[in-house]
């Protein structure tokens, strides 16, 4: 069970994700969590550097979809500005929202990655479905109360991962 909490890759930030390596692995699509992955939970605005990186990702041919446990208004604000599809109230770590995203993109599990900042929602959901999971460090800012509780448990898991990185 613990192996389901291990991301396939860890990146300090989005900018540290090697997109060429993903392409070499056959990854054609990337699902993204929103809160604290792309935008701080307490903010509405996408950092211009992240927006530029994101547009480059799309220009490089990756299909993209947002998959968030947040509400439609939060997801729509980002999908509208970047012109990409999104799934709100995804219910991660359940897989249903991820399956909806795959359907929107028309891609298979083996050619799709998931990028998120939480082990118990993003990584667990992606691994349960068989996606290539990438854990990024959360963006700075305030967090939802449930997320703060999860972060304490995540510290234990991340400590275990550091000691046993190949599980």
N, C-alpha and C. Protein backbone atom coordinates (compact mmCIF):
# COMPACT_ATOMS: atom_id res chain seq x y z
N UNK A 1 0.83 -1.21 0.00
CA UNK A 1 0.00 0.00 0.00
C UNK A 1 0.86 1.25 0.00
N UNK A 2 1.95 1.22 0.76
CA UNK A 2 2.80 2.41 0.83
C UNK A 2 3.35 2.80 -0.53
N UNK A 3 3.55 1.83 -1.41
CA UNK A 3 4.07 2.12 -2.74
C UNK A 3 3.13 3.02 -3.53
N UNK A 4 1.85 3.00 -3.24
CA UNK A 4 0.88 3.86 -3.92
C UNK A 4 1.08 5.33 -3.56
N UNK A 5 1.83 5.60 -2.50
CA UNK A 5 2.09 6.97 -2.08
C UNK A 5 3.40 7.52 -2.66
N UNK A 6 4.17 6.66 -3.34
CA UNK A 6 5.44 7.08 -3.90
C UNK A 6 5.25 7.68 -5.29
N UNK A 7 5.62 8.93 -5.49
CA UNK A 7 5.55 9.47 -6.86
C UNK A 7 6.64 8.83 -7.72
N UNK A 8 6.41 8.81 -9.00
CA UNK A 8 7.44 8.31 -9.92
C UNK A 8 8.60 9.31 -10.02
N UNK A 9 8.28 10.57 -9.76
CA UNK A 9 9.29 11.63 -9.86
C UNK A 9 8.94 12.72 -8.84
N UNK A 10 9.98 13.36 -8.32
CA UNK A 10 9.79 14.52 -7.45
C UNK A 10 10.50 15.70 -8.10
N UNK A 11 9.82 16.84 -8.14
CA UNK A 11 10.41 18.06 -8.69
C UNK A 11 10.20 19.18 -7.69
N UNK A 12 11.23 19.96 -7.46
CA UNK A 12 11.10 21.08 -6.54
C UNK A 12 10.06 22.08 -7.05
N UNK A 13 10.00 22.26 -8.36
CA UNK A 13 9.00 23.16 -8.94
C UNK A 13 8.62 22.65 -10.33
N UNK A 14 7.61 23.24 -10.92
CA UNK A 14 7.21 22.90 -12.28
C UNK A 14 8.39 23.05 -13.24
N UNK A 15 9.20 24.07 -13.01
CA UNK A 15 10.30 24.37 -13.90
C UNK A 15 11.38 23.29 -13.90
N UNK A 16 11.37 22.43 -12.89
CA UNK A 16 12.35 21.35 -12.79
C UNK A 16 11.89 20.06 -13.46
N UNK A 17 10.69 20.04 -13.98
CA UNK A 17 10.19 18.86 -14.69
C UNK A 17 10.85 18.82 -16.06
N UNK A 18 11.50 17.71 -16.37
CA UNK A 18 12.17 17.56 -17.66
C UNK A 18 11.16 17.06 -18.68
N UNK A 19 10.66 17.97 -19.50
CA UNK A 19 9.63 17.64 -20.47
C UNK A 19 10.15 16.71 -21.56
N UNK A 20 11.41 16.85 -21.94
CA UNK A 20 11.99 15.96 -22.94
C UNK A 20 12.02 14.52 -22.44
N UNK A 21 12.34 14.33 -21.15
CA UNK A 21 12.33 12.99 -20.58
C UNK A 21 10.91 12.39 -20.61
N UNK A 22 9.92 13.24 -20.33
CA UNK A 22 8.54 12.75 -20.38
C UNK A 22 8.18 12.31 -21.80
N UNK A 23 8.57 13.10 -22.78
CA UNK A 23 8.29 12.72 -24.17
C UNK A 23 8.97 11.40 -24.52
N UNK A 24 10.21 11.23 -24.09
CA UNK A 24 10.94 9.98 -24.36
C UNK A 24 10.24 8.78 -23.75
N UNK A 25 9.53 9.00 -22.65
CA UNK A 25 8.79 7.93 -21.98
C UNK A 25 7.41 7.69 -22.61
N UNK A 26 7.10 8.48 -23.63
CA UNK A 26 5.82 8.33 -24.31
C UNK A 26 4.68 9.12 -23.71
N UNK A 27 5.00 10.05 -22.82
CA UNK A 27 3.97 10.89 -22.20
C UNK A 27 3.54 11.96 -23.22
N UNK A 28 2.23 12.00 -23.48
CA UNK A 28 1.67 12.95 -24.44
C UNK A 28 0.73 13.95 -23.78
N UNK A 29 0.32 13.64 -22.55
CA UNK A 29 -0.65 14.49 -21.85
C UNK A 29 -0.26 14.61 -20.38
N UNK A 30 -0.58 15.76 -19.81
CA UNK A 30 -0.30 15.98 -18.39
C UNK A 30 -1.54 16.56 -17.72
N UNK A 31 -1.94 15.91 -16.65
CA UNK A 31 -3.02 16.41 -15.81
C UNK A 31 -2.38 17.20 -14.68
N UNK A 32 -2.97 18.34 -14.35
CA UNK A 32 -2.42 19.20 -13.32
C UNK A 32 -3.44 19.47 -12.23
N UNK A 33 -3.01 19.31 -11.00
CA UNK A 33 -3.74 19.85 -9.87
C UNK A 33 -3.59 21.37 -9.95
N UNK A 34 -4.47 22.11 -9.33
CA UNK A 34 -4.40 23.57 -9.40
C UNK A 34 -3.84 24.18 -8.11
N UNK A 35 -4.57 24.00 -7.01
CA UNK A 35 -4.21 24.68 -5.76
C UNK A 35 -2.88 24.21 -5.20
N UNK A 36 -1.99 25.17 -5.02
CA UNK A 36 -0.64 24.98 -4.49
C UNK A 36 0.29 24.21 -5.43
N UNK A 37 -0.21 23.86 -6.61
CA UNK A 37 0.62 23.29 -7.66
C UNK A 37 0.88 24.37 -8.71
N UNK A 38 -0.19 25.01 -9.19
CA UNK A 38 -0.08 26.08 -10.19
C UNK A 38 -0.33 27.47 -9.60
N UNK A 39 -1.23 27.53 -8.65
CA UNK A 39 -1.62 28.81 -8.03
C UNK A 39 -1.73 28.59 -6.52
N UNK A 40 -1.20 29.51 -5.72
CA UNK A 40 -1.41 29.36 -4.27
C UNK A 40 -2.91 29.29 -3.95
N UNK A 41 -3.25 28.49 -2.95
CA UNK A 41 -4.64 28.26 -2.58
C UNK A 41 -5.39 29.57 -2.32
N UNK A 42 -4.71 30.56 -1.78
CA UNK A 42 -5.37 31.81 -1.41
C UNK A 42 -5.25 32.89 -2.48
N UNK A 43 -4.96 32.51 -3.71
CA UNK A 43 -4.78 33.46 -4.80
C UNK A 43 -5.65 33.08 -5.99
N UNK A 44 -5.94 34.06 -6.83
CA UNK A 44 -6.69 33.82 -8.06
C UNK A 44 -5.79 33.92 -9.28
N UNK A 45 -4.62 34.50 -9.10
CA UNK A 45 -3.79 34.83 -10.24
C UNK A 45 -2.65 33.86 -10.47
N UNK A 46 -2.48 33.50 -11.72
CA UNK A 46 -1.38 32.64 -12.14
C UNK A 46 -0.13 33.49 -12.30
N UNK A 47 0.96 33.07 -11.71
CA UNK A 47 2.24 33.77 -11.85
C UNK A 47 2.60 33.83 -13.33
N UNK A 48 3.01 34.99 -13.85
CA UNK A 48 3.35 35.12 -15.29
C UNK A 48 4.43 34.12 -15.74
N UNK A 49 5.37 33.77 -14.86
CA UNK A 49 6.40 32.80 -15.23
C UNK A 49 5.78 31.41 -15.42
N UNK A 50 4.85 31.07 -14.55
CA UNK A 50 4.18 29.78 -14.68
C UNK A 50 3.30 29.77 -15.92
N UNK A 51 2.62 30.88 -16.18
CA UNK A 51 1.80 30.95 -17.39
C UNK A 51 2.65 30.79 -18.64
N UNK A 52 3.81 31.41 -18.69
CA UNK A 52 4.71 31.29 -19.84
C UNK A 52 5.17 29.84 -19.98
N UNK A 53 5.57 29.21 -18.87
CA UNK A 53 5.99 27.81 -18.89
C UNK A 53 4.87 26.93 -19.41
N UNK A 54 3.67 27.21 -18.94
CA UNK A 54 2.51 26.43 -19.31
C UNK A 54 2.21 26.55 -20.80
N UNK A 55 2.26 27.76 -21.32
CA UNK A 55 2.01 27.97 -22.75
C UNK A 55 3.09 27.27 -23.59
N UNK A 56 4.32 27.25 -23.10
CA UNK A 56 5.40 26.53 -23.78
C UNK A 56 5.13 25.03 -23.80
N UNK A 57 4.60 24.52 -22.72
CA UNK A 57 4.25 23.11 -22.61
C UNK A 57 3.23 22.74 -23.70
N UNK A 58 2.23 23.57 -23.85
CA UNK A 58 1.20 23.33 -24.85
C UNK A 58 1.80 23.48 -26.26
N UNK A 59 2.62 24.48 -26.43
CA UNK A 59 3.29 24.70 -27.72
C UNK A 59 4.16 23.50 -28.11
N UNK A 60 4.74 22.84 -27.10
CA UNK A 60 5.58 21.66 -27.34
C UNK A 60 4.75 20.41 -27.69
N UNK A 61 3.44 20.54 -27.70
CA UNK A 61 2.58 19.45 -28.14
C UNK A 61 1.94 18.62 -27.05
N UNK A 62 2.14 18.97 -25.79
CA UNK A 62 1.49 18.22 -24.72
C UNK A 62 0.02 18.61 -24.63
N UNK A 63 -0.83 17.61 -24.43
CA UNK A 63 -2.23 17.87 -24.11
C UNK A 63 -2.28 18.11 -22.61
N UNK A 64 -3.14 19.01 -22.19
CA UNK A 64 -3.19 19.41 -20.79
C UNK A 64 -4.62 19.47 -20.30
N UNK A 65 -4.82 19.06 -19.05
CA UNK A 65 -6.12 19.19 -18.41
C UNK A 65 -5.90 19.46 -16.93
N UNK A 66 -6.73 20.30 -16.34
CA UNK A 66 -6.69 20.55 -14.91
C UNK A 66 -7.66 19.61 -14.21
N UNK A 67 -7.21 19.05 -13.11
CA UNK A 67 -8.04 18.14 -12.32
C UNK A 67 -7.95 18.60 -10.87
N UNK A 68 -9.04 19.18 -10.38
CA UNK A 68 -9.02 19.79 -9.06
C UNK A 68 -10.18 19.31 -8.21
N UNK A 69 -9.94 19.24 -6.92
CA UNK A 69 -11.02 18.96 -5.98
C UNK A 69 -11.81 20.23 -5.67
N UNK A 70 -11.36 21.34 -6.18
CA UNK A 70 -12.03 22.62 -5.92
C UNK A 70 -13.29 22.73 -6.78
N UNK A 71 -14.02 23.86 -6.60
CA UNK A 71 -15.29 24.03 -7.28
C UNK A 71 -15.14 24.53 -8.72
N UNK A 72 -16.26 24.53 -9.42
CA UNK A 72 -16.27 24.88 -10.84
C UNK A 72 -15.75 26.30 -11.10
N UNK A 73 -16.11 27.24 -10.23
CA UNK A 73 -15.69 28.62 -10.43
C UNK A 73 -14.16 28.73 -10.41
N UNK A 74 -13.52 28.06 -9.47
CA UNK A 74 -12.06 28.10 -9.34
C UNK A 74 -11.39 27.47 -10.57
N UNK A 75 -11.90 26.34 -11.01
CA UNK A 75 -11.32 25.65 -12.16
C UNK A 75 -11.59 26.40 -13.45
N UNK A 76 -12.80 26.90 -13.62
CA UNK A 76 -13.17 27.62 -14.85
C UNK A 76 -12.35 28.88 -15.06
N UNK A 77 -11.99 29.55 -13.98
CA UNK A 77 -11.18 30.76 -14.12
C UNK A 77 -9.86 30.45 -14.80
N UNK A 78 -9.26 29.33 -14.47
CA UNK A 78 -7.98 28.96 -15.06
C UNK A 78 -8.15 28.33 -16.44
N UNK A 79 -9.14 27.48 -16.60
CA UNK A 79 -9.32 26.83 -17.91
C UNK A 79 -9.67 27.86 -18.97
N UNK A 80 -10.44 28.87 -18.58
CA UNK A 80 -10.81 29.91 -19.54
C UNK A 80 -9.64 30.74 -19.99
N UNK A 81 -8.78 31.11 -19.06
CA UNK A 81 -7.65 31.97 -19.41
C UNK A 81 -6.59 31.23 -20.22
N UNK A 82 -6.44 29.92 -19.99
CA UNK A 82 -5.41 29.16 -20.71
C UNK A 82 -5.97 28.31 -21.85
N UNK A 83 -7.30 28.31 -21.99
CA UNK A 83 -7.95 27.58 -23.08
C UNK A 83 -7.65 26.07 -23.05
N UNK A 84 -7.75 25.48 -21.86
CA UNK A 84 -7.56 24.04 -21.72
C UNK A 84 -8.75 23.48 -20.92
N UNK A 85 -9.04 22.20 -21.07
CA UNK A 85 -10.16 21.62 -20.32
C UNK A 85 -9.82 21.43 -18.85
N UNK A 86 -10.86 21.25 -18.05
CA UNK A 86 -10.66 21.02 -16.63
C UNK A 86 -11.78 20.20 -16.03
N UNK A 87 -11.45 19.54 -14.94
CA UNK A 87 -12.41 18.75 -14.18
C UNK A 87 -12.45 19.32 -12.77
N UNK A 88 -13.62 19.78 -12.34
CA UNK A 88 -13.76 20.29 -10.97
C UNK A 88 -14.39 19.22 -10.09
N UNK A 89 -14.27 19.40 -8.78
CA UNK A 89 -14.78 18.43 -7.81
C UNK A 89 -14.39 17.01 -8.21
N UNK A 90 -13.10 16.83 -8.50
CA UNK A 90 -12.60 15.55 -9.00
C UNK A 90 -12.65 14.43 -7.97
N UNK A 91 -12.67 14.78 -6.70
CA UNK A 91 -12.77 13.76 -5.67
C UNK A 91 -11.51 12.95 -5.46
N UNK A 92 -10.35 13.53 -5.80
CA UNK A 92 -9.10 12.80 -5.57
C UNK A 92 -8.96 12.51 -4.08
N UNK A 93 -8.60 11.33 -3.68
CA UNK A 93 -7.84 10.32 -4.40
C UNK A 93 -8.67 9.31 -5.19
N UNK A 94 -9.98 9.51 -5.31
CA UNK A 94 -10.75 8.62 -6.18
C UNK A 94 -10.31 8.85 -7.62
N UNK A 95 -10.56 7.89 -8.49
CA UNK A 95 -10.05 7.93 -9.86
C UNK A 95 -11.04 8.48 -10.88
N UNK A 96 -12.28 8.65 -10.50
CA UNK A 96 -13.32 9.04 -11.46
C UNK A 96 -12.98 10.35 -12.17
N UNK A 97 -12.54 11.36 -11.43
CA UNK A 97 -12.20 12.65 -12.04
C UNK A 97 -11.02 12.54 -13.00
N UNK A 98 -10.07 11.68 -12.67
CA UNK A 98 -8.93 11.47 -13.56
C UNK A 98 -9.38 10.78 -14.84
N UNK A 99 -10.28 9.83 -14.71
CA UNK A 99 -10.81 9.16 -15.91
C UNK A 99 -11.56 10.14 -16.80
N UNK A 100 -12.31 11.05 -16.18
CA UNK A 100 -13.01 12.09 -16.97
C UNK A 100 -12.00 12.94 -17.72
N UNK A 101 -10.90 13.29 -17.08
CA UNK A 101 -9.86 14.10 -17.73
C UNK A 101 -9.25 13.34 -18.91
N UNK A 102 -8.96 12.05 -18.73
CA UNK A 102 -8.42 11.25 -19.83
C UNK A 102 -9.40 11.23 -21.01
N UNK A 103 -10.69 11.14 -20.70
CA UNK A 103 -11.70 11.17 -21.75
C UNK A 103 -11.72 12.50 -22.49
N UNK A 104 -11.59 13.59 -21.75
CA UNK A 104 -11.55 14.91 -22.38
C UNK A 104 -10.36 15.06 -23.32
N UNK A 105 -9.23 14.47 -22.93
CA UNK A 105 -8.01 14.59 -23.73
C UNK A 105 -7.90 13.52 -24.80
N UNK A 106 -8.61 12.41 -24.62
CA UNK A 106 -8.51 11.32 -25.57
C UNK A 106 -7.18 10.58 -25.48
N UNK A 107 -6.63 10.49 -24.27
CA UNK A 107 -5.35 9.80 -24.08
C UNK A 107 -5.52 8.61 -23.14
N UNK A 108 -4.57 7.71 -23.22
CA UNK A 108 -4.59 6.53 -22.37
C UNK A 108 -3.75 6.74 -21.12
N UNK A 109 -3.91 5.82 -20.20
CA UNK A 109 -3.20 5.87 -18.92
C UNK A 109 -1.69 5.88 -19.12
N UNK A 110 -1.19 5.03 -20.01
CA UNK A 110 0.25 4.87 -20.19
C UNK A 110 0.91 6.09 -20.84
N UNK A 111 0.13 6.99 -21.41
CA UNK A 111 0.71 8.16 -22.06
C UNK A 111 0.35 9.47 -21.34
N UNK A 112 -0.05 9.34 -20.08
CA UNK A 112 -0.49 10.51 -19.31
C UNK A 112 0.23 10.57 -17.96
N UNK A 113 0.64 11.78 -17.61
CA UNK A 113 1.26 12.04 -16.31
C UNK A 113 0.31 12.91 -15.48
N UNK A 114 0.52 12.88 -14.18
CA UNK A 114 -0.24 13.73 -13.26
C UNK A 114 0.76 14.49 -12.40
N UNK A 115 0.59 15.81 -12.34
CA UNK A 115 1.45 16.66 -11.53
C UNK A 115 0.60 17.27 -10.41
N UNK A 116 1.07 17.11 -9.18
CA UNK A 116 0.36 17.67 -8.05
C UNK A 116 1.28 17.87 -6.86
N UNK A 117 0.76 18.53 -5.85
CA UNK A 117 1.57 18.87 -4.68
C UNK A 117 1.26 18.04 -3.44
N UNK A 118 0.29 17.12 -3.52
CA UNK A 118 -0.10 16.36 -2.34
C UNK A 118 0.02 14.86 -2.56
N UNK A 119 0.62 14.19 -1.60
CA UNK A 119 0.79 12.75 -1.66
C UNK A 119 -0.56 12.04 -1.53
N UNK A 120 -1.40 12.44 -0.56
CA UNK A 120 -2.61 11.70 -0.25
C UNK A 120 -3.79 11.99 -1.18
N UNK A 121 -3.65 12.95 -2.06
CA UNK A 121 -4.71 13.18 -3.05
C UNK A 121 -4.15 12.94 -4.45
N UNK A 122 -3.22 13.76 -4.87
CA UNK A 122 -2.72 13.71 -6.25
C UNK A 122 -1.93 12.43 -6.55
N UNK A 123 -0.89 12.18 -5.79
CA UNK A 123 -0.03 11.02 -6.05
C UNK A 123 -0.83 9.72 -5.87
N UNK A 124 -1.57 9.62 -4.79
CA UNK A 124 -2.35 8.42 -4.55
C UNK A 124 -3.35 8.17 -5.67
N UNK A 125 -4.07 9.20 -6.08
CA UNK A 125 -5.06 9.04 -7.17
C UNK A 125 -4.37 8.61 -8.46
N UNK A 126 -3.30 9.30 -8.81
CA UNK A 126 -2.59 8.97 -10.04
C UNK A 126 -2.02 7.57 -10.04
N UNK A 127 -1.41 7.17 -8.94
CA UNK A 127 -0.84 5.83 -8.85
C UNK A 127 -1.92 4.75 -8.85
N UNK A 128 -3.04 5.03 -8.22
CA UNK A 128 -4.13 4.05 -8.22
C UNK A 128 -4.63 3.78 -9.64
N UNK A 129 -4.58 4.81 -10.49
CA UNK A 129 -5.03 4.65 -11.87
C UNK A 129 -3.91 4.14 -12.78
N UNK A 130 -2.67 4.28 -12.35
CA UNK A 130 -1.55 3.82 -13.17
C UNK A 130 -0.87 4.90 -13.98
N UNK A 131 -1.13 6.16 -13.62
CA UNK A 131 -0.49 7.28 -14.32
C UNK A 131 0.95 7.46 -13.85
N UNK A 132 1.72 8.18 -14.62
CA UNK A 132 3.07 8.58 -14.22
C UNK A 132 2.90 9.79 -13.31
N UNK A 133 3.26 9.67 -12.05
CA UNK A 133 2.99 10.73 -11.07
C UNK A 133 4.24 11.56 -10.78
N UNK A 134 4.02 12.86 -10.70
CA UNK A 134 5.09 13.80 -10.38
C UNK A 134 4.63 14.65 -9.21
N UNK A 135 5.36 14.58 -8.12
CA UNK A 135 5.07 15.39 -6.94
C UNK A 135 5.94 16.64 -6.99
N UNK A 136 5.31 17.81 -6.88
CA UNK A 136 6.06 19.06 -6.82
C UNK A 136 5.90 19.65 -5.42
N UNK A 137 6.88 20.42 -5.02
CA UNK A 137 6.78 21.12 -3.74
C UNK A 137 5.63 22.11 -3.83
N UNK A 138 4.83 22.24 -2.77
CA UNK A 138 3.70 23.17 -2.81
C UNK A 138 4.17 24.62 -2.88
N UNK A 139 3.40 25.43 -3.59
CA UNK A 139 3.67 26.86 -3.64
C UNK A 139 3.43 27.45 -2.26
N UNK A 140 4.11 28.53 -1.98
CA UNK A 140 3.95 29.20 -0.68
C UNK A 140 2.58 29.85 -0.60
N UNK A 141 2.09 29.96 0.60
CA UNK A 141 0.81 30.61 0.83
C UNK A 141 0.00 29.87 1.86
N UNK A 142 -1.16 30.40 2.15
CA UNK A 142 -2.06 29.76 3.10
C UNK A 142 -2.61 28.48 2.48
N UNK A 143 -3.09 27.59 3.35
CA UNK A 143 -3.67 26.34 2.85
C UNK A 143 -4.98 26.05 3.54
N UNK A 144 -5.80 25.30 2.85
CA UNK A 144 -7.05 24.80 3.38
C UNK A 144 -6.75 23.96 4.62
N UNK A 145 -7.62 23.99 5.62
CA UNK A 145 -7.38 23.30 6.89
C UNK A 145 -7.11 21.81 6.69
N UNK A 146 -7.87 21.16 5.81
CA UNK A 146 -7.65 19.73 5.54
C UNK A 146 -6.28 19.47 4.94
N UNK A 147 -5.82 20.39 4.12
CA UNK A 147 -4.49 20.26 3.52
C UNK A 147 -3.41 20.36 4.58
N UNK A 148 -3.60 21.26 5.53
CA UNK A 148 -2.60 21.41 6.59
C UNK A 148 -2.46 20.13 7.40
N UNK A 149 -3.57 19.46 7.65
CA UNK A 149 -3.53 18.18 8.36
C UNK A 149 -2.78 17.14 7.52
N UNK A 150 -3.11 17.08 6.23
CA UNK A 150 -2.45 16.13 5.33
C UNK A 150 -0.94 16.38 5.27
N UNK A 151 -0.53 17.63 5.30
CA UNK A 151 0.90 17.95 5.19
C UNK A 151 1.69 17.31 6.35
N UNK A 152 1.09 17.27 7.53
CA UNK A 152 1.79 16.66 8.67
C UNK A 152 2.01 15.17 8.43
N UNK A 153 1.00 14.51 7.89
CA UNK A 153 1.14 13.09 7.57
C UNK A 153 2.10 12.89 6.40
N UNK A 154 2.06 13.80 5.44
CA UNK A 154 2.96 13.72 4.29
C UNK A 154 4.42 13.77 4.71
N UNK A 155 4.73 14.55 5.72
CA UNK A 155 6.12 14.63 6.19
C UNK A 155 6.64 13.25 6.57
N UNK A 156 5.79 12.45 7.21
CA UNK A 156 6.19 11.09 7.57
C UNK A 156 6.45 10.24 6.33
N UNK A 157 5.54 10.33 5.36
CA UNK A 157 5.68 9.55 4.13
C UNK A 157 6.91 10.01 3.35
N UNK A 158 7.09 11.32 3.22
CA UNK A 158 8.24 11.84 2.47
C UNK A 158 9.55 11.46 3.14
N UNK A 159 9.57 11.41 4.46
CA UNK A 159 10.76 10.95 5.17
C UNK A 159 11.06 9.50 4.85
N UNK A 160 10.02 8.68 4.77
CA UNK A 160 10.18 7.28 4.41
C UNK A 160 10.67 7.14 2.98
N UNK A 161 10.12 7.94 2.07
CA UNK A 161 10.53 7.92 0.67
C UNK A 161 12.01 8.27 0.53
N UNK A 162 12.44 9.26 1.28
CA UNK A 162 13.86 9.66 1.21
C UNK A 162 14.78 8.53 1.68
N UNK A 163 14.33 7.77 2.68
CA UNK A 163 15.13 6.67 3.20
C UNK A 163 15.09 5.45 2.28
N UNK A 164 13.96 5.27 1.57
CA UNK A 164 13.75 4.10 0.71
C UNK A 164 13.20 4.56 -0.64
N UNK A 165 13.99 5.25 -1.45
CA UNK A 165 13.50 5.88 -2.68
C UNK A 165 13.04 4.93 -3.78
N UNK A 166 13.34 3.69 -3.72
CA UNK A 166 13.00 2.79 -4.83
C UNK A 166 11.81 1.89 -4.58
N UNK A 167 11.07 2.08 -3.54
CA UNK A 167 9.94 1.19 -3.23
C UNK A 167 8.82 1.40 -4.23
